[in-house]
Amino acid sequence: MKELLGEEWYELMKDEFGKQYMEDLNNFVKQRRLETTIYPEAHNIFNAYRSTPYSNVKVCIVGQDPYIKPNQAHGLSFSVEDGSYTPSLRQIEKAIAKTVYGGTIHPFWNNNLTRWVDQGVMLLNNVLTVDKGVSNSHKGKGWEIFTRRTIEKLDKKGGVIFLLWGKDAQTLLPYIHNSEVITAEHPVAAVYRGGTWNCNDCFNKVNQLLKEPIIW
């Protein structure tokens, strides 16, 4: 597990893996892998942890669960492995272009959001696995407990800005006491209503709070 989470997060979260809920969750995911395709691949389930060591986290964006189509989910919320567009990413790009860059997107923009991760943005889903083609299919199986523990660890650290996008992410609000929180609707909500994502100017608000702004 240390290789999957990275040393810092493993030391913080290792006790969770001995608890009953994680044993039940592990058995559930193993069984689902026998029956169908699960995203992301096993080595990327904890990619958000491995890619963003605890000491590096400045911002934590929380989404719902992984993408459900092939070659997209790689363990980082909203990011796509192959750089393709998703409805959420189109809304995110438009919002950043409008609110941060005066109508044009930054030339470094890529739908694989590892560039954000490299700047200390942890891209965490509330649920870390999903059945192919079925959103929220692993909801209520135990991941929410693990995510809550993660949020509590980051909140204890202090200085982390939480962006909670959508109702699933906002269930974590009661567990954040010592940190800045910015909420917004889920980007895909704008797609469903045929409008523009109300990002609550979250990207500018984050940068106003940081000494070293994120290049979105």
Protein backbone atom coordinates (compact mmCIF):
# COMPACT_ATOMS: atom_id res chain seq x y z
CA MET A 1 0.00 0.00 0.00
CA LYS A 2 2.89 2.37 0.59
CA GLU A 3 3.72 2.30 -3.13
CA LEU A 4 0.11 3.05 -4.04
CA LEU A 5 -0.42 5.95 -1.63
CA GLY A 6 3.12 7.28 -1.33
CA GLU A 7 5.02 7.31 1.94
CA GLU A 8 3.44 10.38 3.56
CA TRP A 9 -0.19 9.42 2.96
CA TYR A 10 0.49 5.80 3.81
CA GLU A 11 1.77 6.76 7.25
CA LEU A 12 -1.32 8.90 7.83
CA MET A 13 -3.90 6.45 6.48
CA LYS A 14 -2.44 3.00 7.14
CA ASP A 15 -4.63 2.36 10.19
CA GLU A 16 -7.73 2.62 7.99
CA PHE A 17 -6.76 -0.49 6.05
CA GLY A 18 -7.13 -2.65 9.14
CA LYS A 19 -10.72 -1.57 9.76
CA GLN A 20 -13.79 -3.59 8.88
CA TYR A 21 -15.21 -1.06 6.44
CA MET A 22 -12.04 -1.19 4.33
CA GLU A 23 -12.02 -4.98 4.36
CA ASP A 24 -15.64 -4.98 3.19
CA LEU A 25 -14.88 -2.34 0.57
CA ASN A 26 -11.86 -4.24 -0.72
CA ASN A 27 -13.91 -7.42 -1.05
CA PHE A 28 -16.65 -5.53 -2.88
CA VAL A 29 -14.25 -3.99 -5.41
CA LYS A 30 -12.50 -7.33 -5.97
CA GLN A 31 -15.83 -9.00 -6.67
CA ARG A 32 -16.91 -6.25 -9.05
CA ARG A 33 -13.64 -6.61 -10.98
CA LEU A 34 -14.52 -10.26 -11.54
CA GLU A 35 -17.91 -9.28 -12.91
CA THR A 36 -17.28 -6.09 -14.88
CA THR A 37 -14.72 -3.40 -15.72
CA ILE A 38 -13.83 -1.06 -12.87
CA TYR A 39 -12.34 2.41 -13.22
CA PRO A 40 -9.70 3.48 -12.58
CA GLU A 41 -7.21 0.63 -12.92
CA ALA A 42 -6.10 -0.76 -9.57
CA HIS A 43 -2.72 0.98 -9.56
CA ASN A 44 -4.42 4.37 -9.98
CA ILE A 45 -7.13 4.16 -7.32
CA PHE A 46 -4.96 6.17 -4.91
CA ASN A 47 -3.28 8.32 -7.54
CA ALA A 48 -4.54 11.53 -5.90
CA TYR A 49 -2.60 10.57 -2.76
CA ARG A 50 0.54 9.32 -4.45
CA SER A 51 0.72 12.32 -6.78
CA THR A 52 0.12 14.92 -4.07
CA PRO A 53 2.07 14.16 -0.87
CA TYR A 54 0.43 15.46 2.29
CA SER A 55 3.08 18.11 2.85
CA ASN A 56 2.55 19.49 -0.68
CA VAL A 57 -1.23 19.95 -0.60
CA LYS A 58 -2.31 23.59 -0.86
CA VAL A 59 -5.72 23.08 -2.45
CA CYS A 60 -8.04 20.07 -2.42
CA ILE A 61 -10.74 19.84 -5.09
CA VAL A 62 -13.35 17.20 -4.27
CA GLY A 63 -15.64 15.72 -6.90
CA GLN A 64 -18.07 12.79 -7.02
CA ASP A 65 -16.57 9.59 -8.46
CA PRO A 66 -14.36 8.54 -11.41
CA TYR A 67 -15.27 8.90 -15.07
CA ILE A 68 -17.13 5.90 -16.45
CA LYS A 69 -15.73 5.73 -20.00
CA PRO A 70 -12.52 4.01 -21.19
CA ASN A 71 -9.15 5.79 -21.05
CA GLN A 72 -10.40 8.66 -18.90
CA ALA A 73 -10.27 7.92 -15.17
CA HIS A 74 -6.79 7.82 -13.67
CA GLY A 75 -7.43 8.53 -10.02
CA LEU A 76 -7.50 12.33 -10.21
CA SER A 77 -10.91 13.99 -9.99
CA PHE A 78 -12.04 15.76 -13.17
CA SER A 79 -8.74 14.98 -14.93
CA VAL A 80 -8.62 12.65 -17.95
CA GLU A 81 -5.69 10.39 -18.68
CA ASP A 82 -5.81 10.77 -22.47
CA GLY A 83 -6.43 14.52 -22.53
CA SER A 84 -9.87 14.22 -24.15
CA TYR A 85 -12.80 16.43 -23.25
CA THR A 86 -15.63 15.50 -20.93
CA PRO A 87 -18.73 17.64 -20.28
CA SER A 88 -17.27 18.67 -16.92
CA LEU A 89 -13.93 19.67 -18.40
CA ARG A 90 -15.55 21.80 -21.08
CA GLN A 91 -17.37 23.71 -18.35
CA ILE A 92 -14.21 24.02 -16.23
CA GLU A 93 -12.18 25.33 -19.17
CA LYS A 94 -14.85 27.89 -20.08
CA ALA A 95 -15.11 29.08 -16.48
CA ILE A 96 -11.35 29.51 -16.12
CA ALA A 97 -11.10 31.33 -19.44
CA LYS A 98 -13.91 33.71 -18.46
CA THR A 99 -13.05 34.39 -14.82
CA VAL A 100 -9.25 34.14 -14.75
CA TYR A 101 -7.89 34.92 -18.20
CA GLY A 102 -10.31 37.49 -19.60
CA GLY A 103 -11.98 35.18 -22.09
CA THR A 104 -9.09 33.11 -23.44
CA ILE A 105 -7.69 29.98 -21.83
CA HIS A 106 -4.11 29.80 -20.61
CA PRO A 107 -1.81 28.39 -23.33
CA PHE A 108 -0.67 25.60 -20.99
CA TRP A 109 -4.21 24.24 -20.59
CA ASN A 110 -4.56 20.47 -20.85
CA ASN A 111 -7.46 18.24 -19.84
CA ASN A 112 -4.99 15.97 -18.08
CA LEU A 113 -4.79 18.08 -14.94
CA THR A 114 -1.51 16.75 -13.61
CA ARG A 115 -0.15 20.29 -14.05
CA TRP A 116 -2.46 21.35 -11.25
CA VAL A 117 -1.32 18.43 -9.13
CA ASP A 118 2.30 19.48 -9.60
CA GLN A 119 1.36 22.85 -8.07
CA GLY A 120 -0.11 21.28 -4.93
CA VAL A 121 -3.74 20.76 -5.99
CA MET A 122 -5.07 17.44 -4.72
CA LEU A 123 -7.76 16.13 -7.07
CA LEU A 124 -9.84 13.85 -4.87
CA ASN A 125 -13.11 12.09 -5.57
CA ASN A 126 -15.54 11.35 -2.74
CA VAL A 127 -15.76 7.77 -4.09
CA LEU A 128 -12.59 6.31 -5.63
CA THR A 129 -13.91 3.51 -7.88
CA VAL A 130 -16.84 2.99 -10.24
CA ASP A 131 -18.32 0.37 -12.59
CA LYS A 132 -17.81 1.05 -16.28
CA GLY A 133 -20.77 3.02 -17.60
CA VAL A 134 -22.57 3.43 -14.25
CA SER A 135 -22.00 6.62 -12.28
CA ASN A 136 -22.31 6.37 -8.49
CA SER A 137 -22.28 2.57 -8.67
CA HIS A 138 -19.84 2.34 -5.74
CA LYS A 139 -21.54 4.98 -3.64
CA GLY A 140 -22.22 3.94 -0.06
CA LYS A 141 -19.74 1.05 -0.08
CA GLY A 142 -17.18 2.66 2.25
CA TRP A 143 -15.10 5.07 0.20
CA GLU A 144 -16.88 8.03 1.78
CA ILE A 145 -15.44 7.05 5.18
CA PHE A 146 -11.91 6.92 3.76
CA THR A 147 -12.39 10.27 2.03
CA ARG A 148 -13.74 11.81 5.22
CA ARG A 149 -10.64 10.66 7.11
CA THR A 150 -8.53 12.22 4.37
CA ILE A 151 -10.33 15.54 4.66
CA GLU A 152 -9.95 15.48 8.44
CA LYS A 153 -6.20 14.92 8.10
CA LEU A 154 -5.88 17.84 5.69
CA ASP A 155 -8.04 20.07 7.86
CA LYS A 156 -5.85 19.29 10.86
CA LYS A 157 -2.79 20.29 8.84
CA GLY A 158 -4.27 23.75 8.26
CA GLY A 159 -3.64 26.12 5.40
CA VAL A 160 -5.44 23.94 2.84
CA ILE A 161 -8.21 25.46 0.70
CA PHE A 162 -11.06 23.06 -0.05
CA LEU A 163 -13.12 23.35 -3.23
CA LEU A 164 -16.24 21.21 -2.87
CA TRP A 165 -17.97 20.85 -6.23
CA GLY A 166 -21.43 19.32 -6.11
CA LYS A 167 -23.70 17.85 -3.45
CA ASP A 168 -21.66 14.68 -2.93
CA ALA A 169 -18.51 16.67 -2.19
CA GLN A 170 -20.41 19.06 0.05
CA THR A 171 -21.38 16.23 2.41
CA LEU A 172 -17.82 16.72 3.72
CA LEU A 173 -18.53 20.24 4.99
CA PRO A 174 -19.24 19.12 8.60
CA TYR A 175 -15.73 17.66 8.85
CA ILE A 176 -13.87 20.85 7.91
CA HIS A 177 -13.34 23.20 10.84
CA ASN A 178 -9.95 24.89 10.46
CA SER A 179 -9.68 25.59 6.74
CA GLU A 180 -11.05 27.80 3.99
CA VAL A 181 -13.90 26.22 2.02
CA ILE A 182 -15.31 27.36 -1.32
CA THR A 183 -18.38 25.55 -2.62
CA ALA A 184 -19.83 25.45 -6.11
CA GLU A 185 -22.23 23.31 -8.07
CA HIS A 186 -20.80 20.32 -9.90
CA PRO A 187 -19.57 21.41 -13.36
CA VAL A 188 -21.77 18.85 -15.10
CA ALA A 189 -24.87 20.41 -13.53
CA ALA A 190 -24.60 23.21 -16.08
CA VAL A 191 -24.72 20.65 -18.88
CA TYR A 192 -27.94 19.14 -17.56
CA ARG A 193 -29.70 22.49 -17.43
CA GLY A 194 -28.20 23.72 -20.70
CA GLY A 195 -26.39 26.67 -19.17
CA THR A 196 -23.00 27.83 -17.95
CA TRP A 197 -21.29 26.47 -14.86
CA ASN A 198 -21.55 28.75 -11.85
CA CYS A 199 -18.05 28.23 -10.47
CA ASN A 200 -18.54 30.82 -7.72
CA ASP A 201 -15.35 32.53 -8.96
CA CYS A 202 -13.52 29.78 -7.09
CA PHE A 203 -10.29 29.93 -9.08
CA ASN A 204 -9.71 33.61 -8.37
CA LYS A 205 -10.79 33.17 -4.75
CA VAL A 206 -8.19 30.43 -4.27
CA ASN A 207 -5.42 32.58 -5.70
CA GLN A 208 -6.38 35.50 -3.49
CA LEU A 209 -5.81 33.25 -0.49
CA LEU A 210 -2.48 31.79 -1.62
CA LYS A 211 0.94 33.42 -1.43
CA GLU A 212 1.89 31.61 -4.64
CA PRO A 213 -1.13 31.47 -6.99
CA ILE A 214 -2.08 28.42 -9.00
CA ILE A 215 -1.61 28.70 -12.76
CA TRP A 216 -4.98 27.33 -13.77
